[in-house]
Amino acid sequence: QVQLVESGGGLVQAGGSLRLSCAASGRTFGSYAMGWFRQAPGKEREFVAALNWRGGAEYYADSVKGRFTISKDNAKDTVHLQMNSLKPEDTAVYYCAAVNNPASFGISWYASQDRYDYWGQGTQVTVSS
């Protein structure tokens, strides 16, 4: 059984940085795609970033491109989301997700939350103005 556990959320002022982590267990993740999604109060969950574990390709939503970076730690089966220049509109619960053997290398595939089979419980990120 795949388990995903997020950490690193918190309260930060606008312009600050946070680093989220997603610790994965239960499988060998070399063939997986890992994604980050977020859900703000009163809004639908949306795509933030994704990474193909095998090839290392990265995908970003336009709203975070240039500010957020997704990365992986092979030794620890952990995916990170480095978030810089945070804005109040980045406030949301951030979720880690995983899917085995991603079928595509296009961002539209990785951005669709329906593709993902496993989800973490989420971690709250609050950015004050």
C-alpha atoms as a PDB file:
ATOM      1  CA  GLN A   1       0.000   0.000   0.000  1.00  0.00           C
ATOM      2  CA  VAL A   2       1.407   3.337  -1.059  1.00  0.00           C
ATOM      3  CA  GLN A   3       1.474   5.987   1.626  1.00  0.00           C
ATOM      4  CA  LEU A   4       2.227   9.651   1.117  1.00  0.00           C
ATOM      5  CA  VAL A   5       2.909  11.957   4.033  1.00  0.00           C
ATOM      6  CA  GLU A   6       3.308  15.699   3.516  1.00  0.00           C
ATOM      7  CA  SER A   7       5.160  18.039   5.847  1.00  0.00           C
ATOM      8  CA  GLY A   8       6.624  21.509   5.889  1.00  0.00           C
ATOM      9  CA  GLY A   9       3.530  23.656   5.763  1.00  0.00           C
ATOM     10  CA  GLY A  10       3.049  26.673   7.981  1.00  0.00           C
ATOM     11  CA  LEU A  11       2.509  30.396   8.214  1.00  0.00           C
ATOM     12  CA  VAL A  12       4.802  32.729   6.301  1.00  0.00           C
ATOM     13  CA  GLN A  13       4.742  36.369   5.265  1.00  0.00           C
ATOM     14  CA  ALA A  14       4.342  37.375   1.652  1.00  0.00           C
ATOM     15  CA  GLY A  15       7.665  37.191  -0.138  1.00  0.00           C
ATOM     16  CA  GLY A  16       8.886  34.398   2.101  1.00  0.00           C
ATOM     17  CA  SER A  17       9.696  30.781   1.370  1.00  0.00           C
ATOM     18  CA  LEU A  18       8.614  27.329   2.471  1.00  0.00           C
ATOM     19  CA  ARG A  19       9.748  23.865   1.532  1.00  0.00           C
ATOM     20  CA  LEU A  20       7.175  21.109   1.455  1.00  0.00           C
ATOM     21  CA  SER A  21       8.135  17.462   1.568  1.00  0.00           C
ATOM     22  CA  CYS A  22       6.248  14.333   0.574  1.00  0.00           C
ATOM     23  CA  ALA A  23       7.599  11.098   2.000  1.00  0.00           C
ATOM     24  CA  ALA A  24       6.505   8.097  -0.025  1.00  0.00           C
ATOM     25  CA  SER A  25       6.484   4.500   1.166  1.00  0.00           C
ATOM     26  CA  GLY A  26       5.109   1.129   0.181  1.00  0.00           C
ATOM     27  CA  ARG A  27       6.643   0.849  -3.270  1.00  0.00           C
ATOM     28  CA  THR A  28       9.754   1.533  -5.290  1.00  0.00           C
ATOM     29  CA  PHE A  29       8.974   4.863  -6.912  1.00  0.00           C
ATOM     30  CA  GLY A  30      11.334   4.780  -9.855  1.00  0.00           C
ATOM     31  CA  SER A  31       8.441   4.376 -12.294  1.00  0.00           C
ATOM     32  CA  TYR A  32       6.085   6.863 -10.670  1.00  0.00           C
ATOM     33  CA  ALA A  33       4.957  10.379 -11.355  1.00  0.00           C
ATOM     34  CA  MET A  34       4.585  12.615  -8.336  1.00  0.00           C
ATOM     35  CA  GLY A  35       2.403  15.681  -8.243  1.00  0.00           C
ATOM     36  CA  TRP A  36       1.545  18.590  -5.980  1.00  0.00           C
ATOM     37  CA  PHE A  37      -1.957  20.019  -5.950  1.00  0.00           C
ATOM     38  CA  ARG A  38      -3.565  22.651  -3.751  1.00  0.00           C
ATOM     39  CA  GLN A  39      -7.007  23.641  -2.614  1.00  0.00           C
ATOM     40  CA  ALA A  40      -7.835  27.087  -1.335  1.00  0.00           C
ATOM     41  CA  PRO A  41     -10.940  27.761   0.764  1.00  0.00           C
ATOM     42  CA  GLY A  42     -14.035  27.783  -1.405  1.00  0.00           C
ATOM     43  CA  LYS A  43     -12.129  26.726  -4.512  1.00  0.00           C
ATOM     44  CA  GLU A  44     -11.530  23.521  -6.388  1.00  0.00           C
ATOM     45  CA  ARG A  45      -8.291  21.630  -6.042  1.00  0.00           C
ATOM     46  CA  GLU A  46      -5.785  22.699  -8.683  1.00  0.00           C
ATOM     47  CA  PHE A  47      -2.530  21.493 -10.146  1.00  0.00           C
ATOM     48  CA  VAL A  48       0.701  23.052  -8.899  1.00  0.00           C
ATOM     49  CA  ALA A  49       3.639  20.946 -10.113  1.00  0.00           C
ATOM     50  CA  ALA A  50       4.583  17.408 -11.096  1.00  0.00           C
ATOM     51  CA  LEU A  51       7.650  15.322 -11.715  1.00  0.00           C
ATOM     52  CA  ASN A  52       8.330  12.147 -13.640  1.00  0.00           C
ATOM     53  CA  TRP A  53      10.514  10.145 -11.275  1.00  0.00           C
ATOM     54  CA  ARG A  54      12.291   8.133 -13.946  1.00  0.00           C
ATOM     55  CA  GLY A  55      13.073  10.858 -16.455  1.00  0.00           C
ATOM     56  CA  GLY A  56      13.085  13.804 -14.098  1.00  0.00           C
ATOM     57  CA  ALA A  57      10.842  15.938 -16.318  1.00  0.00           C
ATOM     58  CA  GLU A  58       9.144  18.735 -14.399  1.00  0.00           C
ATOM     59  CA  TYR A  59       5.819  20.447 -14.999  1.00  0.00           C
ATOM     60  CA  TYR A  60       4.435  23.625 -13.443  1.00  0.00           C
ATOM     61  CA  ALA A  61       1.239  25.586 -13.390  1.00  0.00           C
ATOM     62  CA  ASP A  62       1.648  29.026 -14.897  1.00  0.00           C
ATOM     63  CA  SER A  63       0.761  30.621 -11.565  1.00  0.00           C
ATOM     64  CA  VAL A  64       3.828  29.162  -9.842  1.00  0.00           C
ATOM     65  CA  LYS A  65       6.341  28.932 -12.676  1.00  0.00           C
ATOM     66  CA  GLY A  66       9.587  30.653 -11.747  1.00  0.00           C
ATOM     67  CA  ARG A  67       8.715  30.670  -8.037  1.00  0.00           C
ATOM     68  CA  PHE A  68       8.217  26.994  -7.157  1.00  0.00           C
ATOM     69  CA  THR A  69      10.580  24.096  -7.815  1.00  0.00           C
ATOM     70  CA  ILE A  70       9.773  20.402  -7.548  1.00  0.00           C
ATOM     71  CA  SER A  71      12.585  17.969  -6.850  1.00  0.00           C
ATOM     72  CA  LYS A  72      13.185  14.406  -5.687  1.00  0.00           C
ATOM     73  CA  ASP A  73      15.470  12.639  -3.279  1.00  0.00           C
ATOM     74  CA  ASN A  74      15.988   9.147  -4.632  1.00  0.00           C
ATOM     75  CA  ALA A  75      17.631   7.833  -1.494  1.00  0.00           C
ATOM     76  CA  LYS A  76      14.702   8.847   0.698  1.00  0.00           C
ATOM     77  CA  ASP A  77      11.790   8.371  -1.733  1.00  0.00           C
ATOM     78  CA  THR A  78      10.844  11.953  -1.007  1.00  0.00           C
ATOM     79  CA  VAL A  79       9.599  14.725  -3.236  1.00  0.00           C
ATOM     80  CA  HIS A  80      10.046  18.369  -2.297  1.00  0.00           C
ATOM     81  CA  LEU A  81       8.304  21.531  -3.347  1.00  0.00           C
ATOM     82  CA  GLN A  82      10.434  24.610  -2.785  1.00  0.00           C
ATOM     83  CA  MET A  83       8.173  27.649  -2.733  1.00  0.00           C
ATOM     84  CA  ASN A  84       9.749  31.087  -3.019  1.00  0.00           C
ATOM     85  CA  SER A  85       8.298  34.572  -3.350  1.00  0.00           C
ATOM     86  CA  LEU A  86       5.086  33.373  -1.768  1.00  0.00           C
ATOM     87  CA  LYS A  87       1.910  35.385  -2.258  1.00  0.00           C
ATOM     88  CA  PRO A  88      -1.307  35.479  -0.225  1.00  0.00           C
ATOM     89  CA  GLU A  89      -3.041  33.728  -3.125  1.00  0.00           C
ATOM     90  CA  ASP A  90      -0.766  30.721  -2.560  1.00  0.00           C
ATOM     91  CA  THR A  91      -2.638  30.073   0.682  1.00  0.00           C
ATOM     92  CA  ALA A  92      -4.136  26.592   0.458  1.00  0.00           C
ATOM     93  CA  VAL A  93      -3.919  23.015   1.627  1.00  0.00           C
ATOM     94  CA  TYR A  94      -1.197  21.361  -0.428  1.00  0.00           C
ATOM     95  CA  TYR A  95      -1.545  17.722  -1.396  1.00  0.00           C
ATOM     96  CA  CYS A  96       1.009  15.258  -2.686  1.00  0.00           C
ATOM     97  CA  ALA A  97      -0.143  12.637  -5.198  1.00  0.00           C
ATOM     98  CA  ALA A  98       1.373   9.669  -7.011  1.00  0.00           C
ATOM     99  CA  VAL A  99       0.632   7.470  -9.997  1.00  0.00           C
ATOM    100  CA  ASN A 100       2.537   4.509 -11.390  1.00  0.00           C
ATOM    101  CA  ASN A 101       3.731   4.379 -14.995  1.00  0.00           C
ATOM    102  CA  PRO A 102       2.546   7.756 -16.261  1.00  0.00           C
ATOM    103  CA  ALA A 103       1.258   7.378 -19.792  1.00  0.00           C
ATOM    104  CA  SER A 104       2.363  10.695 -21.202  1.00  0.00           C
ATOM    105  CA  PHE A 105       4.987  13.387 -21.064  1.00  0.00           C
ATOM    106  CA  GLY A 106       2.582  16.249 -21.603  1.00  0.00           C
ATOM    107  CA  ILE A 107       1.658  18.703 -18.863  1.00  0.00           C
ATOM    108  CA  SER A 108      -2.044  18.251 -19.504  1.00  0.00           C
ATOM    109  CA  TRP A 109      -1.752  14.609 -18.437  1.00  0.00           C
ATOM    110  CA  TYR A 110       0.200  15.408 -15.278  1.00  0.00           C
ATOM    111  CA  ALA A 111      -2.105  18.282 -14.350  1.00  0.00           C
ATOM    112  CA  SER A 112      -5.206  16.094 -14.284  1.00  0.00           C
ATOM    113  CA  GLN A 113      -5.820  14.971 -10.728  1.00  0.00           C
ATOM    114  CA  ASP A 114      -7.933  12.070 -11.998  1.00  0.00           C
ATOM    115  CA  ARG A 115      -4.704  10.421 -13.204  1.00  0.00           C
ATOM    116  CA  TYR A 116      -3.360  10.015  -9.696  1.00  0.00           C
ATOM    117  CA  ASP A 117      -4.063   6.913  -7.619  1.00  0.00           C
ATOM    118  CA  TYR A 118      -2.575   7.876  -4.281  1.00  0.00           C
ATOM    119  CA  TRP A 119      -2.975  11.021  -2.202  1.00  0.00           C
ATOM    120  CA  GLY A 120      -1.577  12.382   1.012  1.00  0.00           C
ATOM    121  CA  GLN A 121      -3.599  14.072   3.744  1.00  0.00           C
ATOM    122  CA  GLY A 122      -2.386  17.549   2.904  1.00  0.00           C
ATOM    123  CA  THR A 123      -0.443  20.273   4.660  1.00  0.00           C
ATOM    124  CA  GLN A 124      -1.671  23.817   5.258  1.00  0.00           C
ATOM    125  CA  VAL A 125       0.229  26.744   3.803  1.00  0.00           C
ATOM    126  CA  THR A 126      -0.846  30.220   4.883  1.00  0.00           C
ATOM    127  CA  VAL A 127       0.734  33.344   3.406  1.00  0.00           C
ATOM    128  CA  SER A 128      -0.011  36.595   5.205  1.00  0.00           C
ATOM    129  CA  SER A 129       0.046  39.960   3.467  1.00  0.00           C
END
